[in-house]
N, C-alpha and C. Protein backbone atom coordinates (compact mmCIF):
# COMPACT_ATOMS: atom_id res chain seq x y z
N MET A 1 -105.03 100.42 60.43
CA MET A 1 -105.17 101.81 60.00
C MET A 1 -104.34 102.08 58.75
N VAL A 2 -103.18 101.44 58.66
CA VAL A 2 -102.31 101.65 57.51
C VAL A 2 -102.99 101.17 56.23
N GLU A 3 -103.59 100.00 56.29
CA GLU A 3 -104.24 99.44 55.10
C GLU A 3 -105.43 100.31 54.67
N LEU A 4 -106.18 100.80 55.62
CA LEU A 4 -107.30 101.70 55.30
C LEU A 4 -106.79 102.97 54.63
N SER A 5 -105.72 103.51 55.15
CA SER A 5 -105.13 104.72 54.58
C SER A 5 -104.65 104.47 53.15
N LYS A 6 -104.04 103.32 52.92
CA LYS A 6 -103.58 102.98 51.57
C LYS A 6 -104.76 102.91 50.60
N ASN A 7 -105.84 102.29 51.03
CA ASN A 7 -107.03 102.18 50.17
C ASN A 7 -107.60 103.55 49.85
N ILE A 8 -107.70 104.40 50.84
CA ILE A 8 -108.25 105.74 50.64
C ILE A 8 -107.38 106.54 49.67
N LEU A 9 -106.06 106.52 49.89
CA LEU A 9 -105.17 107.29 49.03
C LEU A 9 -105.21 106.80 47.59
N THR A 10 -105.32 105.51 47.40
CA THR A 10 -105.42 104.97 46.05
C THR A 10 -106.67 105.48 45.36
N LYS A 11 -107.77 105.56 46.10
CA LYS A 11 -109.05 106.00 45.51
C LYS A 11 -109.10 107.49 45.22
N VAL A 12 -108.38 108.30 45.99
CA VAL A 12 -108.45 109.75 45.80
C VAL A 12 -107.23 110.30 45.05
N SER A 13 -106.40 109.44 44.53
CA SER A 13 -105.16 109.91 43.90
C SER A 13 -105.39 110.68 42.60
N PHE A 14 -106.60 110.73 42.12
CA PHE A 14 -106.91 111.49 40.90
C PHE A 14 -106.92 113.00 41.14
N ASP A 15 -107.06 113.42 42.40
CA ASP A 15 -107.19 114.84 42.73
C ASP A 15 -106.10 115.25 43.72
N ARG A 16 -105.27 116.18 43.32
CA ARG A 16 -104.11 116.58 44.13
C ARG A 16 -104.50 117.11 45.52
N GLN A 17 -105.48 118.01 45.58
CA GLN A 17 -105.87 118.60 46.86
C GLN A 17 -106.49 117.57 47.80
N LEU A 18 -107.34 116.73 47.26
CA LEU A 18 -107.97 115.68 48.06
C LEU A 18 -106.92 114.68 48.53
N PHE A 19 -105.99 114.35 47.66
CA PHE A 19 -104.91 113.44 48.03
C PHE A 19 -104.10 114.01 49.19
N GLN A 20 -103.75 115.27 49.11
CA GLN A 20 -102.96 115.89 50.18
C GLN A 20 -103.74 115.90 51.50
N LYS A 21 -105.00 116.24 51.43
CA LYS A 21 -105.84 116.28 52.64
C LYS A 21 -105.90 114.91 53.29
N GLU A 22 -106.13 113.87 52.50
CA GLU A 22 -106.23 112.51 53.04
C GLU A 22 -104.87 112.00 53.53
N LEU A 23 -103.81 112.39 52.86
CA LEU A 23 -102.48 111.99 53.30
C LEU A 23 -102.16 112.61 54.66
N GLU A 24 -102.49 113.87 54.83
CA GLU A 24 -102.26 114.53 56.12
C GLU A 24 -103.05 113.86 57.24
N LYS A 25 -104.29 113.50 56.96
CA LYS A 25 -105.10 112.79 57.96
C LYS A 25 -104.48 111.43 58.29
N SER A 26 -104.03 110.74 57.27
CA SER A 26 -103.44 109.42 57.47
C SER A 26 -102.19 109.49 58.35
N VAL A 27 -101.37 110.48 58.11
CA VAL A 27 -100.15 110.63 58.90
C VAL A 27 -100.50 110.91 60.37
N ARG A 28 -101.54 111.66 60.61
CA ARG A 28 -101.98 111.91 61.99
C ARG A 28 -102.52 110.65 62.64
N TRP A 29 -103.22 109.82 61.87
CA TRP A 29 -103.81 108.59 62.42
C TRP A 29 -102.77 107.55 62.78
N ILE A 30 -101.76 107.44 61.96
CA ILE A 30 -100.75 106.39 62.15
C ILE A 30 -99.78 106.88 63.22
N ASN A 31 -99.82 106.24 64.38
CA ASN A 31 -99.06 106.76 65.50
C ASN A 31 -97.79 105.99 65.82
N LYS A 32 -97.61 104.79 65.30
CA LYS A 32 -96.37 104.05 65.55
C LYS A 32 -95.33 104.47 64.52
N SER A 33 -94.14 104.73 65.00
CA SER A 33 -93.09 105.21 64.10
C SER A 33 -92.71 104.19 63.04
N GLU A 34 -92.71 102.90 63.40
CA GLU A 34 -92.36 101.88 62.40
C GLU A 34 -93.46 101.76 61.35
N ASP A 35 -94.71 101.90 61.74
CA ASP A 35 -95.81 101.89 60.77
C ASP A 35 -95.72 103.10 59.85
N LEU A 36 -95.39 104.24 60.41
CA LEU A 36 -95.28 105.45 59.61
C LEU A 36 -94.14 105.33 58.59
N GLN A 37 -93.05 104.72 58.98
CA GLN A 37 -91.92 104.53 58.06
C GLN A 37 -92.33 103.65 56.89
N VAL A 38 -93.01 102.55 57.17
CA VAL A 38 -93.47 101.64 56.11
C VAL A 38 -94.49 102.35 55.22
N PHE A 39 -95.38 103.11 55.82
CA PHE A 39 -96.39 103.86 55.07
C PHE A 39 -95.72 104.91 54.17
N ARG A 40 -94.74 105.60 54.69
CA ARG A 40 -94.02 106.61 53.91
C ARG A 40 -93.35 105.97 52.70
N GLU A 41 -92.68 104.85 52.91
CA GLU A 41 -92.02 104.16 51.81
C GLU A 41 -93.03 103.72 50.75
N TRP A 42 -94.16 103.20 51.18
CA TRP A 42 -95.21 102.78 50.24
C TRP A 42 -95.70 103.98 49.44
N CYS A 43 -95.94 105.09 50.11
CA CYS A 43 -96.41 106.30 49.42
C CYS A 43 -95.40 106.78 48.39
N MET A 44 -94.14 106.75 48.74
CA MET A 44 -93.10 107.19 47.80
C MET A 44 -93.09 106.30 46.56
N LEU A 45 -93.24 105.00 46.75
CA LEU A 45 -93.25 104.08 45.61
C LEU A 45 -94.50 104.25 44.75
N GLU A 46 -95.64 104.37 45.39
CA GLU A 46 -96.91 104.43 44.67
C GLU A 46 -97.20 105.80 44.03
N PHE A 47 -96.87 106.86 44.75
CA PHE A 47 -97.29 108.19 44.32
C PHE A 47 -96.15 109.18 44.12
N GLY A 48 -94.92 108.74 44.27
CA GLY A 48 -93.77 109.62 44.12
C GLY A 48 -93.67 110.27 42.76
N HIS A 49 -94.13 109.57 41.74
CA HIS A 49 -94.08 110.12 40.39
C HIS A 49 -95.23 111.11 40.13
N LEU A 50 -96.33 110.97 40.87
CA LEU A 50 -97.49 111.86 40.69
C LEU A 50 -97.37 113.15 41.52
N TYR A 51 -97.07 112.98 42.80
CA TYR A 51 -97.13 114.11 43.73
C TYR A 51 -95.87 114.20 44.60
N PRO A 52 -94.70 114.34 44.02
CA PRO A 52 -93.49 114.39 44.86
C PRO A 52 -93.48 115.58 45.82
N SER A 53 -94.00 116.72 45.39
CA SER A 53 -93.99 117.89 46.27
C SER A 53 -94.96 117.74 47.43
N VAL A 54 -96.09 117.10 47.19
CA VAL A 54 -97.06 116.86 48.26
C VAL A 54 -96.47 115.91 49.30
N LEU A 55 -95.83 114.85 48.84
CA LEU A 55 -95.23 113.88 49.76
C LEU A 55 -94.14 114.53 50.60
N LYS A 56 -93.30 115.33 49.97
CA LYS A 56 -92.25 116.02 50.73
C LYS A 56 -92.86 116.96 51.76
N LYS A 57 -93.87 117.69 51.35
CA LYS A 57 -94.51 118.67 52.24
C LYS A 57 -95.10 117.98 53.46
N VAL A 58 -95.80 116.87 53.26
CA VAL A 58 -96.48 116.20 54.36
C VAL A 58 -95.52 115.43 55.25
N PHE A 59 -94.59 114.70 54.66
CA PHE A 59 -93.72 113.84 55.46
C PHE A 59 -92.52 114.57 56.06
N TYR A 60 -92.12 115.68 55.49
CA TYR A 60 -90.90 116.34 55.95
C TYR A 60 -91.14 117.79 56.34
N LYS A 61 -92.31 118.10 56.88
CA LYS A 61 -92.60 119.51 57.19
C LYS A 61 -92.10 119.96 58.54
N LYS A 62 -91.36 119.16 59.23
CA LYS A 62 -90.87 119.55 60.56
C LYS A 62 -89.72 120.46 60.51
């Protein structure tokens, strides 16, 4: 599931709203905490420069 989510996010990264929607879905799909941690780190490296506010909103909204 993590690899599928990475592929989807890479393909939709051109659009901020679509990226956020897919990121939120991906976080819901990934249910293991260790997988989520690795996924979060990957997202920060890949998209941290493009959408830092979206990443903070999705990963730290608790």
